Amino acid sequence: MTGRPRIGLSLGDPGGVGPETTAKSILALRSSGIDFVLFCSRRLFADTGRRSGWAVELLQMADSGSRGSGAQIEFAGAPEFDGPASFGSPTPPGGDFAFGSLGKAAEAAMTGAI
């Protein structure tokens, strides 16, 4: 660990508001010196963000590897999500993903990674 706070975030159901709320929250805290770990793949985050464009700036931040006082963003890559993620329509795969994402975040917290 770098000594900076590392916060892990599970996103909830990909068809819900969790991914968008996560992106907007990180962007609001971008100068806080907090590093964020998102428990999903970058692909899932980009795919869900395409529906309204809210993910573009956050993905650019992740690509730049912001350092210093800016937030650093990492995608844990797991769990995978096989869809579909229709906005506003919960699905069994979305529920499985949300549960798996929370479990991976809890494991990382128990090991001190976040």
PDB file of N, CA and C in Angstrom:
ATOM      1  N   MET A   1       0.835  -1.185   0.000  1.00  0.00           N
ATOM      2  CA  MET A   1       0.000   0.000   0.000  1.00  0.00           C
ATOM      3  C   MET A   1       0.877   1.245   0.000  1.00  0.00           C
ATOM      4  N   THR A   2       0.359   2.314  -0.552  1.00  0.00           N
ATOM      5  CA  THR A   2       1.115   3.538  -0.730  1.00  0.00           C
ATOM      6  C   THR A   2       1.037   4.477   0.459  1.00  0.00           C
ATOM      7  N   GLY A   3       0.213   4.198   1.437  1.00  0.00           N
ATOM      8  CA  GLY A   3      -0.014   5.127   2.529  1.00  0.00           C
ATOM      9  C   GLY A   3      -1.212   6.027   2.258  1.00  0.00           C
ATOM     10  N   ARG A   4      -1.636   6.081   1.010  1.00  0.00           N
ATOM     11  CA  ARG A   4      -2.841   6.824   0.658  1.00  0.00           C
ATOM     12  C   ARG A   4      -4.046   5.938   0.937  1.00  0.00           C
ATOM     13  N   PRO A   5      -5.181   6.525   1.277  1.00  0.00           N
ATOM     14  CA  PRO A   5      -6.387   5.702   1.451  1.00  0.00           C
ATOM     15  C   PRO A   5      -6.759   5.012   0.140  1.00  0.00           C
ATOM     16  N   ARG A   6      -7.134   3.727   0.221  1.00  0.00           N
ATOM     17  CA  ARG A   6      -7.619   2.947  -0.932  1.00  0.00           C
ATOM     18  C   ARG A   6      -9.017   2.469  -0.601  1.00  0.00           C
ATOM     19  N   ILE A   7      -9.955   2.935  -1.351  1.00  0.00           N
ATOM     20  CA  ILE A   7     -11.353   2.579  -1.119  1.00  0.00           C
ATOM     21  C   ILE A   7     -11.812   1.639  -2.224  1.00  0.00           C
ATOM     22  N   GLY A   8     -12.378   0.507  -1.839  1.00  0.00           N
ATOM     23  CA  GLY A   8     -12.926  -0.449  -2.786  1.00  0.00           C
ATOM     24  C   GLY A   8     -14.411  -0.211  -2.963  1.00  0.00           C
ATOM     25  N   LEU A   9     -14.866  -0.321  -4.202  1.00  0.00           N
ATOM     26  CA  LEU A   9     -16.272  -0.074  -4.507  1.00  0.00           C
ATOM     27  C   LEU A   9     -16.865  -1.222  -5.302  1.00  0.00           C
ATOM     28  N   SER A  10     -17.948  -1.793  -4.772  1.00  0.00           N
ATOM     29  CA  SER A  10     -18.736  -2.735  -5.559  1.00  0.00           C
ATOM     30  C   SER A  10     -19.842  -1.908  -6.201  1.00  0.00           C
ATOM     31  N   LEU A  11     -20.283  -2.308  -7.380  1.00  0.00           N
ATOM     32  CA  LEU A  11     -21.148  -1.443  -8.181  1.00  0.00           C
ATOM     33  C   LEU A  11     -22.631  -1.749  -8.106  1.00  0.00           C
ATOM     34  N   GLY A  12     -23.009  -2.814  -7.462  1.00  0.00           N
ATOM     35  CA  GLY A  12     -24.409  -3.196  -7.502  1.00  0.00           C
ATOM     36  C   GLY A  12     -24.756  -3.802  -8.856  1.00  0.00           C
ATOM     37  N   ASP A  13     -26.028  -3.831  -9.169  1.00  0.00           N
ATOM     38  CA  ASP A  13     -26.504  -4.397 -10.430  1.00  0.00           C
ATOM     39  C   ASP A  13     -26.076  -3.493 -11.587  1.00  0.00           C
ATOM     40  N   PRO A  14     -25.417  -4.026 -12.609  1.00  0.00           N
ATOM     41  CA  PRO A  14     -25.000  -3.199 -13.739  1.00  0.00           C
ATOM     42  C   PRO A  14     -26.154  -2.501 -14.451  1.00  0.00           C
ATOM     43  N   GLY A  15     -27.369  -2.992 -14.281  1.00  0.00           N
ATOM     44  CA  GLY A  15     -28.532  -2.358 -14.882  1.00  0.00           C
ATOM     45  C   GLY A  15     -29.119  -1.254 -14.023  1.00  0.00           C
ATOM     46  N   GLY A  16     -28.506  -0.996 -12.877  1.00  0.00           N
ATOM     47  CA  GLY A  16     -29.000   0.038 -11.976  1.00  0.00           C
ATOM     48  C   GLY A  16     -28.163   1.306 -12.033  1.00  0.00           C
ATOM     49  N   VAL A  17     -28.305   2.125 -10.990  1.00  0.00           N
ATOM     50  CA  VAL A  17     -27.609   3.415 -10.953  1.00  0.00           C
ATOM     51  C   VAL A  17     -26.218   3.327 -10.314  1.00  0.00           C
ATOM     52  N   GLY A  18     -25.826   2.157  -9.819  1.00  0.00           N
ATOM     53  CA  GLY A  18     -24.551   2.013  -9.127  1.00  0.00           C
ATOM     54  C   GLY A  18     -23.331   2.424  -9.934  1.00  0.00           C
ATOM     55  N   PRO A  19     -23.167   1.949 -11.170  1.00  0.00           N
ATOM     56  CA  PRO A  19     -21.993   2.364 -11.944  1.00  0.00           C
ATOM     57  C   PRO A  19     -21.942   3.873 -12.176  1.00  0.00           C
ATOM     58  N   GLU A  20     -23.079   4.483 -12.503  1.00  0.00           N
ATOM     59  CA  GLU A  20     -23.103   5.928 -12.736  1.00  0.00           C
ATOM     60  C   GLU A  20     -22.830   6.698 -11.453  1.00  0.00           C
ATOM     61  N   THR A  21     -23.444   6.283 -10.355  1.00  0.00           N
ATOM     62  CA  THR A  21     -23.223   6.939  -9.069  1.00  0.00           C
ATOM     63  C   THR A  21     -21.770   6.820  -8.649  1.00  0.00           C
ATOM     64  N   THR A  22     -21.175   5.661  -8.888  1.00  0.00           N
ATOM     65  CA  THR A  22     -19.762   5.442  -8.573  1.00  0.00           C
ATOM     66  C   THR A  22     -18.883   6.407  -9.357  1.00  0.00           C
ATOM     67  N   ALA A  23     -19.101   6.494 -10.667  1.00  0.00           N
ATOM     68  CA  ALA A  23     -18.290   7.385 -11.508  1.00  0.00           C
ATOM     69  C   ALA A  23     -18.416   8.829 -11.055  1.00  0.00           C
ATOM     70  N   LYS A  24     -19.623   9.284 -10.824  1.00  0.00           N
ATOM     71  CA  LYS A  24     -19.831  10.681 -10.433  1.00  0.00           C
ATOM     72  C   LYS A  24     -19.243  10.974  -9.054  1.00  0.00           C
ATOM     73  N   SER A  25     -19.298  10.010  -8.150  1.00  0.00           N
ATOM     74  CA  SER A  25     -18.712  10.200  -6.818  1.00  0.00           C
ATOM     75  C   SER A  25     -17.195  10.302  -6.887  1.00  0.00           C
ATOM     76  N   ILE A  26     -16.577   9.428  -7.667  1.00  0.00           N
ATOM     77  CA  ILE A  26     -15.118   9.472  -7.815  1.00  0.00           C
ATOM     78  C   ILE A  26     -14.696  10.791  -8.453  1.00  0.00           C
ATOM     79  N   LEU A  27     -15.425  11.219  -9.473  1.00  0.00           N
ATOM     80  CA  LEU A  27     -15.085  12.483 -10.121  1.00  0.00           C
ATOM     81  C   LEU A  27     -15.202  13.651  -9.150  1.00  0.00           C
ATOM     82  N   ALA A  28     -16.193  13.605  -8.269  1.00  0.00           N
ATOM     83  CA  ALA A  28     -16.348  14.673  -7.272  1.00  0.00           C
ATOM     84  C   ALA A  28     -15.212  14.658  -6.257  1.00  0.00           C
ATOM     85  N   LEU A  29     -14.597  13.484  -6.048  1.00  0.00           N
ATOM     86  CA  LEU A  29     -13.512  13.334  -5.058  1.00  0.00           C
ATOM     87  C   LEU A  29     -12.135  13.247  -5.712  1.00  0.00           C
ATOM     88  N   ARG A  30     -12.032  13.590  -6.987  1.00  0.00           N
ATOM     89  CA  ARG A  30     -10.795  13.367  -7.741  1.00  0.00           C
ATOM     90  C   ARG A  30      -9.573  14.045  -7.148  1.00  0.00           C
ATOM     91  N   SER A  31      -9.723  15.130  -6.429  1.00  0.00           N
ATOM     92  CA  SER A  31      -8.560  15.824  -5.861  1.00  0.00           C
ATOM     93  C   SER A  31      -8.353  15.497  -4.385  1.00  0.00           C
ATOM     94  N   SER A  32      -8.990  14.460  -3.910  1.00  0.00           N
ATOM     95  CA  SER A  32      -8.956  14.118  -2.482  1.00  0.00           C
ATOM     96  C   SER A  32      -7.722  13.322  -2.061  1.00  0.00           C
ATOM     97  N   GLY A  33      -6.965  12.796  -3.025  1.00  0.00           N
ATOM     98  CA  GLY A  33      -5.814  11.960  -2.682  1.00  0.00           C
ATOM     99  C   GLY A  33      -6.204  10.544  -2.306  1.00  0.00           C
ATOM    100  N   ILE A  34      -7.409  10.138  -2.652  1.00  0.00           N
ATOM    101  CA  ILE A  34      -7.900   8.783  -2.394  1.00  0.00           C
ATOM    102  C   ILE A  34      -7.725   7.946  -3.651  1.00  0.00           C
ATOM    103  N   ASP A  35      -7.286   6.712  -3.492  1.00  0.00           N
ATOM    104  CA  ASP A  35      -7.215   5.765  -4.600  1.00  0.00           C
ATOM    105  C   ASP A  35      -8.448   4.864  -4.535  1.00  0.00           C
ATOM    106  N   PHE A  36      -9.006   4.540  -5.694  1.00  0.00           N
ATOM    107  CA  PHE A  36     -10.226   3.754  -5.766  1.00  0.00           C
ATOM    108  C   PHE A  36      -9.990   2.454  -6.521  1.00  0.00           C
ATOM    109  N   VAL A  37     -10.552   1.373  -6.009  1.00  0.00           N
ATOM    110  CA  VAL A  37     -10.531   0.078  -6.677  1.00  0.00           C
ATOM    111  C   VAL A  37     -11.985  -0.293  -6.966  1.00  0.00           C
ATOM    112  N   LEU A  38     -12.309  -0.457  -8.238  1.00  0.00           N
ATOM    113  CA  LEU A  38     -13.659  -0.833  -8.635  1.00  0.00           C
ATOM    114  C   LEU A  38     -13.693  -2.330  -8.910  1.00  0.00           C
ATOM    115  N   PHE A  39     -14.603  -3.013  -8.279  1.00  0.00           N
ATOM    116  CA  PHE A  39     -14.692  -4.466  -8.403  1.00  0.00           C
ATOM    117  C   PHE A  39     -15.593  -4.848  -9.570  1.00  0.00           C
ATOM    118  N   CYS A  40     -15.002  -4.615 -10.760  1.00  0.00           N
ATOM    119  CA  CYS A  40     -15.612  -4.958 -12.038  1.00  0.00           C
ATOM    120  C   CYS A  40     -14.502  -4.872 -13.078  1.00  0.00           C
ATOM    121  N   SER A  41     -14.823  -5.253 -14.285  1.00  0.00           N
ATOM    122  CA  SER A  41     -13.840  -5.102 -15.363  1.00  0.00           C
ATOM    123  C   SER A  41     -13.972  -3.705 -15.961  1.00  0.00           C
ATOM    124  N   ARG A  42     -12.904  -3.252 -16.552  1.00  0.00           N
ATOM    125  CA  ARG A  42     -12.933  -1.957 -17.230  1.00  0.00           C
ATOM    126  C   ARG A  42     -13.946  -2.004 -18.372  1.00  0.00           C
ATOM    127  N   ARG A  43     -14.014  -3.142 -19.053  1.00  0.00           N
ATOM    128  CA  ARG A  43     -14.952  -3.318 -20.167  1.00  0.00           C
ATOM    129  C   ARG A  43     -16.398  -3.123 -19.714  1.00  0.00           C
ATOM    130  N   LEU A  44     -16.765  -3.739 -18.594  1.00  0.00           N
ATOM    131  CA  LEU A  44     -18.126  -3.589 -18.084  1.00  0.00           C
ATOM    132  C   LEU A  44     -18.409  -2.129 -17.773  1.00  0.00           C
ATOM    133  N   PHE A  45     -17.467  -1.471 -17.125  1.00  0.00           N
ATOM    134  CA  PHE A  45     -17.667  -0.075 -16.755  1.00  0.00           C
ATOM    135  C   PHE A  45     -17.841   0.793 -18.006  1.00  0.00           C
ATOM    136  N   ALA A  46     -17.016   0.553 -19.006  1.00  0.00           N
ATOM    137  CA  ALA A  46     -17.120   1.316 -20.256  1.00  0.00           C
ATOM    138  C   ALA A  46     -18.435   1.020 -20.968  1.00  0.00           C
ATOM    139  N   ASP A  47     -18.826  -0.251 -21.008  1.00  0.00           N
ATOM    140  CA  ASP A  47     -20.070  -0.629 -21.685  1.00  0.00           C
ATOM    141  C   ASP A  47     -21.283  -0.005 -21.017  1.00  0.00           C
ATOM    142  N   THR A  48     -21.347  -0.044 -19.695  1.00  0.00           N
ATOM    143  CA  THR A  48     -22.497   0.540 -19.007  1.00  0.00           C
ATOM    144  C   THR A  48     -22.473   2.067 -19.112  1.00  0.00           C
ATOM    145  N   GLY A  49     -21.289   2.648 -19.187  1.00  0.00           N
ATOM    146  CA  GLY A  49     -21.168   4.098 -19.282  1.00  0.00           C
ATOM    147  C   GLY A  49     -21.521   4.670 -20.635  1.00  0.00           C
ATOM    148  N   ARG A  50     -21.519   3.851 -21.663  1.00  0.00           N
ATOM    149  CA  ARG A  50     -21.839   4.333 -23.004  1.00  0.00           C
ATOM    150  C   ARG A  50     -23.262   4.835 -23.117  1.00  0.00           C
ATOM    151  N   ARG A  51     -24.147   4.340 -22.266  1.00  0.00           N
ATOM    152  CA  ARG A  51     -25.555   4.711 -22.418  1.00  0.00           C
ATOM    153  C   ARG A  51     -25.782   6.200 -22.202  1.00  0.00           C
ATOM    154  N   SER A  52     -24.919   6.870 -21.420  1.00  0.00           N
ATOM    155  CA  SER A  52     -25.121   8.310 -21.231  1.00  0.00           C
ATOM    156  C   SER A  52     -23.821   9.099 -21.227  1.00  0.00           C
ATOM    157  N   GLY A  53     -22.713   8.434 -21.428  1.00  0.00           N
ATOM    158  CA  GLY A  53     -21.450   9.133 -21.521  1.00  0.00           C
ATOM    159  C   GLY A  53     -20.794   9.492 -20.203  1.00  0.00           C
ATOM    160  N   TRP A  54     -21.335   9.087 -19.063  1.00  0.00           N
ATOM    161  CA  TRP A  54     -20.784   9.487 -17.768  1.00  0.00           C
ATOM    162  C   TRP A  54     -19.447   8.833 -17.444  1.00  0.00           C
ATOM    163  N   ALA A  55     -19.075   7.766 -18.128  1.00  0.00           N
ATOM    164  CA  ALA A  55     -17.846   7.048 -17.790  1.00  0.00           C
ATOM    165  C   ALA A  55     -16.600   7.596 -18.483  1.00  0.00           C
ATOM    166  N   VAL A  56     -16.760   8.433 -19.488  1.00  0.00           N
ATOM    167  CA  VAL A  56     -15.630   8.846 -20.312  1.00  0.00           C
ATOM    168  C   VAL A  56     -14.524   9.497 -19.489  1.00  0.00           C
ATOM    169  N   GLU A  57     -14.851  10.503 -18.688  1.00  0.00           N
ATOM    170  CA  GLU A  57     -13.832  11.209 -17.918  1.00  0.00           C
ATOM    171  C   GLU A  57     -13.169  10.300 -16.894  1.00  0.00           C
ATOM    172  N   LEU A  58     -13.934   9.440 -16.257  1.00  0.00           N
ATOM    173  CA  LEU A  58     -13.356   8.530 -15.272  1.00  0.00           C
ATOM    174  C   LEU A  58     -12.409   7.538 -15.938  1.00  0.00           C
ATOM    175  N   LEU A  59     -12.765   7.026 -17.102  1.00  0.00           N
ATOM    176  CA  LEU A  59     -11.891   6.094 -17.817  1.00  0.00           C
ATOM    177  C   LEU A  59     -10.607   6.789 -18.262  1.00  0.00           C
ATOM    178  N   GLN A  60     -10.699   8.052 -18.639  1.00  0.00           N
ATOM    179  CA  GLN A  60      -9.502   8.812 -18.989  1.00  0.00           C
ATOM    180  C   GLN A  60      -8.595   8.968 -17.770  1.00  0.00           C
ATOM    181  N   MET A  61      -9.191   9.214 -16.606  1.00  0.00           N
ATOM    182  CA  MET A  61      -8.401   9.299 -15.376  1.00  0.00           C
ATOM    183  C   MET A  61      -7.702   7.975 -15.101  1.00  0.00           C
ATOM    184  N   ALA A  62      -8.415   6.868 -15.279  1.00  0.00           N
ATOM    185  CA  ALA A  62      -7.832   5.546 -15.033  1.00  0.00           C
ATOM    186  C   ALA A  62      -6.665   5.303 -15.982  1.00  0.00           C
ATOM    187  N   ASP A  63      -6.829   5.696 -17.236  1.00  0.00           N
ATOM    188  CA  ASP A  63      -5.770   5.504 -18.233  1.00  0.00           C
ATOM    189  C   ASP A  63      -4.537   6.341 -17.922  1.00  0.00           C
ATOM    190  N   SER A  64      -4.744   7.529 -17.367  1.00  0.00           N
ATOM    191  CA  SER A  64      -3.611   8.414 -17.099  1.00  0.00           C
ATOM    192  C   SER A  64      -2.845   8.002 -15.851  1.00  0.00           C
ATOM    193  N   GLY A  65      -3.444   7.120 -15.016  1.00  0.00           N
ATOM    194  CA  GLY A  65      -2.778   6.698 -13.777  1.00  0.00           C
ATOM    195  C   GLY A  65      -2.518   7.870 -12.859  1.00  0.00           C
ATOM    196  N   SER A  66      -3.516   8.725 -12.655  1.00  0.00           N
ATOM    197  CA  SER A  66      -3.366   9.940 -11.844  1.00  0.00           C
ATOM    198  C   SER A  66      -2.582   9.662 -10.568  1.00  0.00           C
ATOM    199  N   ARG A  67      -1.681  10.542 -10.271  1.00  0.00           N
ATOM    200  CA  ARG A  67      -0.853  10.442  -9.069  1.00  0.00           C
ATOM    201  C   ARG A  67      -0.897  11.772  -8.334  1.00  0.00           C
ATOM    202  N   GLY A  68      -0.117  11.870  -7.294  1.00  0.00           N
ATOM    203  CA  GLY A  68      -0.065  13.112  -6.523  1.00  0.00           C
ATOM    204  C   GLY A  68      -1.345  13.298  -5.747  1.00  0.00           C
ATOM    205  N   SER A  69      -1.947  14.470  -5.868  1.00  0.00           N
ATOM    206  CA  SER A  69      -3.168  14.731  -5.107  1.00  0.00           C
ATOM    207  C   SER A  69      -4.401  14.164  -5.790  1.00  0.00           C
ATOM    208  N   GLY A  70      -4.265  13.739  -7.063  1.00  0.00           N
ATOM    209  CA  GLY A  70      -5.409  13.208  -7.780  1.00  0.00           C
ATOM    210  C   GLY A  70      -5.700  11.771  -7.425  1.00  0.00           C
ATOM    211  N   ALA A  71      -6.930  11.362  -7.701  1.00  0.00           N
ATOM    212  CA  ALA A  71      -7.344   9.988  -7.438  1.00  0.00           C
ATOM    213  C   ALA A  71      -6.714   9.049  -8.457  1.00  0.00           C
ATOM    214  N   GLN A  72      -6.340   7.879  -7.999  1.00  0.00           N
ATOM    215  CA  GLN A  72      -5.909   6.812  -8.895  1.00  0.00           C
ATOM    216  C   GLN A  72      -7.036   5.793  -8.939  1.00  0.00           C
ATOM    217  N   ILE A  73      -7.339   5.294 -10.127  1.00  0.00           N
ATOM    218  CA  ILE A  73      -8.450   4.369 -10.302  1.00  0.00           C
ATOM    219  C   ILE A  73      -7.930   3.056 -10.859  1.00  0.00           C
ATOM    220  N   GLU A  74      -8.345   1.969 -10.222  1.00  0.00           N
ATOM    221  CA  GLU A  74      -7.941   0.635 -10.646  1.00  0.00           C
ATOM    222  C   GLU A  74      -9.206  -0.207 -10.823  1.00  0.00           C
ATOM    223  N   PHE A  75      -9.219  -1.025 -11.855  1.00  0.00           N
ATOM    224  CA  PHE A  75     -10.319  -1.972 -12.057  1.00  0.00           C
ATOM    225  C   PHE A  75      -9.819  -3.341 -11.641  1.00  0.00           C
ATOM    226  N   ALA A  76     -10.493  -3.952 -10.673  1.00  0.00           N
ATOM    227  CA  ALA A  76     -10.061  -5.245 -10.154  1.00  0.00           C
ATOM    228  C   ALA A  76     -10.286  -6.364 -11.169  1.00  0.00           C
ATOM    229  N   GLY A  77     -11.177  -6.149 -12.135  1.00  0.00           N
ATOM    230  CA  GLY A  77     -11.376  -7.123 -13.199  1.00  0.00           C
ATOM    231  C   GLY A  77     -12.296  -8.267 -12.860  1.00  0.00           C
ATOM    232  N   ALA A  78     -12.729  -8.349 -11.636  1.00  0.00           N
ATOM    233  CA  ALA A  78     -13.593  -9.461 -11.249  1.00  0.00           C
ATOM    234  C   ALA A  78     -14.669  -8.938 -10.313  1.00  0.00           C
ATOM    235  N   PRO A  79     -15.805  -9.512 -10.322  1.00  0.00           N
ATOM    236  CA  PRO A  79     -16.211 -10.652 -11.143  1.00  0.00           C
ATOM    237  C   PRO A  79     -16.564 -10.213 -12.559  1.00  0.00           C
ATOM    238  N   GLU A  80     -16.684 -11.181 -13.437  1.00  0.00           N
ATOM    239  CA  GLU A  80     -17.107 -10.902 -14.809  1.00  0.00           C
ATOM    240  C   GLU A  80     -18.629 -10.830 -14.847  1.00  0.00           C
ATOM    241  N   PHE A  81     -19.142 -10.173 -15.862  1.00  0.00           N
ATOM    242  CA  PHE A  81     -20.589 -10.064 -16.038  1.00  0.00           C
ATOM    243  C   PHE A  81     -20.912 -10.425 -17.472  1.00  0.00           C
ATOM    244  N   ASP A  82     -21.840 -11.362 -17.645  1.00  0.00           N
ATOM    245  CA  ASP A  82     -22.200 -11.824 -18.975  1.00  0.00           C
ATOM    246  C   ASP A  82     -23.515 -11.238 -19.480  1.00  0.00           C
ATOM    247  N   GLY A  83     -24.111 -10.353 -18.706  1.00  0.00           N
ATOM    248  CA  GLY A  83     -25.287  -9.604 -19.153  1.00  0.00           C
ATOM    249  C   GLY A  83     -26.557 -10.416 -19.241  1.00  0.00           C
ATOM    250  N   PRO A  84     -27.569  -9.835 -19.728  1.00  0.00           N
ATOM    251  CA  PRO A  84     -27.677  -8.470 -20.236  1.00  0.00           C
ATOM    252  C   PRO A  84     -27.854  -7.458 -19.106  1.00  0.00           C
ATOM    253  N   ALA A  85     -27.539  -6.196 -19.384  1.00  0.00           N
ATOM    254  CA  ALA A  85     -27.700  -5.125 -18.399  1.00  0.00           C
ATOM    255  C   ALA A  85     -28.604  -4.054 -18.989  1.00  0.00           C
ATOM    256  N   SER A  86     -29.889  -4.311 -18.944  1.00  0.00           N
ATOM    257  CA  SER A  86     -30.860  -3.335 -19.431  1.00  0.00           C
ATOM    258  C   SER A  86     -31.140  -2.346 -18.311  1.00  0.00           C
ATOM    259  N   PHE A  87     -30.878  -1.069 -18.565  1.00  0.00           N
ATOM    260  CA  PHE A  87     -31.018  -0.064 -17.521  1.00  0.00           C
ATOM    261  C   PHE A  87     -32.434  -0.059 -16.955  1.00  0.00           C
ATOM    262  N   GLY A  88     -32.508  -0.109 -15.639  1.00  0.00           N
ATOM    263  CA  GLY A  88     -33.779  -0.067 -14.940  1.00  0.00           C
ATOM    264  C   GLY A  88     -34.471  -1.409 -14.814  1.00  0.00           C
ATOM    265  N   SER A  89     -33.849  -2.466 -15.313  1.00  0.00           N
ATOM    266  CA  SER A  89     -34.461  -3.788 -15.261  1.00  0.00           C
ATOM    267  C   SER A  89     -33.522  -4.770 -14.577  1.00  0.00           C
ATOM    268  N   PRO A  90     -33.759  -5.053 -13.290  1.00  0.00           N
ATOM    269  CA  PRO A  90     -32.903  -6.025 -12.609  1.00  0.00           C
ATOM    270  C   PRO A  90     -33.042  -7.403 -13.245  1.00  0.00           C
ATOM    271  N   THR A  91     -31.932  -8.129 -13.273  1.00  0.00           N
ATOM    272  CA  THR A  91     -31.918  -9.467 -13.846  1.00  0.00           C
ATOM    273  C   THR A  91     -31.176 -10.400 -12.900  1.00  0.00           C
ATOM    274  N   PRO A  92     -31.421 -11.706 -12.985  1.00  0.00           N
ATOM    275  CA  PRO A  92     -30.646 -12.641 -12.164  1.00  0.00           C
ATOM    276  C   PRO A  92     -29.131 -12.524 -12.392  1.00  0.00           C
ATOM    277  N   PRO A  93     -28.639 -12.391 -13.647  1.00  0.00           N
ATOM    278  CA  PRO A  93     -27.187 -12.211 -13.807  1.00  0.00           C
ATOM    279  C   PRO A  93     -26.681 -10.929 -13.143  1.00  0.00           C
ATOM    280  N   GLY A  94     -27.483  -9.871 -13.176  1.00  0.00           N
ATOM    281  CA  GLY A  94     -27.099  -8.630 -12.515  1.00  0.00           C
ATOM    282  C   GLY A  94     -27.008  -8.800 -11.005  1.00  0.00           C
ATOM    283  N   GLY A  95     -27.952  -9.546 -10.442  1.00  0.00           N
ATOM    284  CA  GLY A  95     -27.915  -9.833  -9.010  1.00  0.00           C
ATOM    285  C   GLY A  95     -26.718 -10.685  -8.639  1.00  0.00           C
ATOM    286  N   ASP A  96     -26.410 -11.670  -9.479  1.00  0.00           N
ATOM    287  CA  ASP A  96     -25.224 -12.506  -9.236  1.00  0.00           C
ATOM    288  C   ASP A  96     -23.952 -11.664  -9.284  1.00  0.00           C
ATOM    289  N   PHE A  97     -23.886 -10.751 -10.264  1.00  0.00           N
ATOM    290  CA  PHE A  97     -22.723  -9.881 -10.358  1.00  0.00           C
ATOM    291  C   PHE A  97     -22.597  -9.000  -9.112  1.00  0.00           C
ATOM    292  N   ALA A  98     -23.695  -8.391  -8.694  1.00  0.00           N
ATOM    293  CA  ALA A  98     -23.668  -7.512  -7.522  1.00  0.00           C
ATOM    294  C   ALA A  98     -23.180  -8.276  -6.291  1.00  0.00           C
ATOM    295  N   PHE A  99     -23.672  -9.482  -6.104  1.00  0.00           N
ATOM    296  CA  PHE A  99     -23.260 -10.299  -4.962  1.00  0.00           C
ATOM    297  C   PHE A  99     -21.779 -10.657  -5.066  1.00  0.00           C
ATOM    298  N   GLY A 100     -21.324 -11.055  -6.260  1.00  0.00           N
ATOM    299  CA  GLY A 100     -19.923 -11.408  -6.461  1.00  0.00           C
ATOM    300  C   GLY A 100     -18.997 -10.218  -6.277  1.00  0.00           C
ATOM    301  N   SER A 101     -19.415  -9.043  -6.743  1.00  0.00           N
ATOM    302  CA  SER A 101     -18.619  -7.826  -6.601  1.00  0.00           C
ATOM    303  C   SER A 101     -18.449  -7.469  -5.127  1.00  0.00           C
ATOM    304  N   LEU A 102     -19.528  -7.569  -4.366  1.00  0.00           N
ATOM    305  CA  LEU A 102     -19.457  -7.296  -2.936  1.00  0.00           C
ATOM    306  C   LEU A 102     -18.546  -8.301  -2.242  1.00  0.00           C
ATOM    307  N   GLY A 103     -18.623  -9.563  -2.639  1.00  0.00           N
ATOM    308  CA  GLY A 103     -17.763 -10.594  -2.052  1.00  0.00           C
ATOM    309  C   GLY A 103     -16.288 -10.340  -2.331  1.00  0.00           C
ATOM    310  N   LYS A 104     -15.957  -9.948  -3.578  1.00  0.00           N
ATOM    311  CA  LYS A 104     -14.557  -9.648  -3.925  1.00  0.00           C
ATOM    312  C   LYS A 104     -14.067  -8.429  -3.150  1.00  0.00           C
ATOM    313  N   ALA A 105     -14.908  -7.426  -2.978  1.00  0.00           N
ATOM    314  CA  ALA A 105     -14.527  -6.244  -2.190  1.00  0.00           C
ATOM    315  C   ALA A 105     -14.287  -6.627  -0.739  1.00  0.00           C
ATOM    316  N   ALA A 106     -15.144  -7.487  -0.198  1.00  0.00           N
ATOM    317  CA  ALA A 106     -14.970  -7.926   1.193  1.00  0.00           C
ATOM    318  C   ALA A 106     -13.670  -8.704   1.368  1.00  0.00           C
ATOM    319  N   GLU A 107     -13.353  -9.580   0.405  1.00  0.00           N
ATOM    320  CA  GLU A 107     -12.091 -10.326   0.460  1.00  0.00           C
ATOM    321  C   GLU A 107     -10.893  -9.371   0.454  1.00  0.00           C
ATOM    322  N   ALA A 108     -10.941  -8.367  -0.410  1.00  0.00           N
ATOM    323  CA  ALA A 108      -9.838  -7.403  -0.482  1.00  0.00           C
ATOM    324  C   ALA A 108      -9.715  -6.622   0.822  1.00  0.00           C
ATOM    325  N   ALA A 109     -10.838  -6.291   1.431  1.00  0.00           N
ATOM    326  CA  ALA A 109     -10.802  -5.574   2.704  1.00  0.00           C
ATOM    327  C   ALA A 109     -10.197  -6.464   3.812  1.00  0.00           C
ATOM    328  N   MET A 110     -10.542  -7.739   3.795  1.00  0.00           N
ATOM    329  CA  MET A 110     -10.031  -8.653   4.824  1.00  0.00           C
ATOM    330  C   MET A 110      -8.518  -8.861   4.715  1.00  0.00           C
ATOM    331  N   THR A 111      -7.969  -8.727   3.516  1.00  0.00           N
ATOM    332  CA  THR A 111      -6.525  -8.904   3.321  1.00  0.00           C
ATOM    333  C   THR A 111      -5.762  -7.589   3.455  1.00  0.00           C
ATOM    334  N   GLY A 112      -6.492  -6.482   3.617  1.00  0.00           N
ATOM    335  CA  GLY A 112      -5.841  -5.187   3.752  1.00  0.00           C
ATOM    336  C   GLY A 112      -5.496  -4.525   2.446  1.00  0.00           C
ATOM    337  N   ALA A 113      -5.962  -5.092   1.322  1.00  0.00           N
ATOM    338  CA  ALA A 113      -5.677  -4.493   0.010  1.00  0.00           C
ATOM    339  C   ALA A 113      -6.441  -3.191  -0.206  1.00  0.00           C
ATOM    340  N   ILE A 114      -7.554  -3.053   0.465  1.00  0.00           N
ATOM    341  CA  ILE A 114      -8.340  -1.808   0.437  1.00  0.00           C
ATOM    342  C   ILE A 114      -8.692  -1.435   1.859  1.00  0.00           C
TER     343      ILE A 114
END
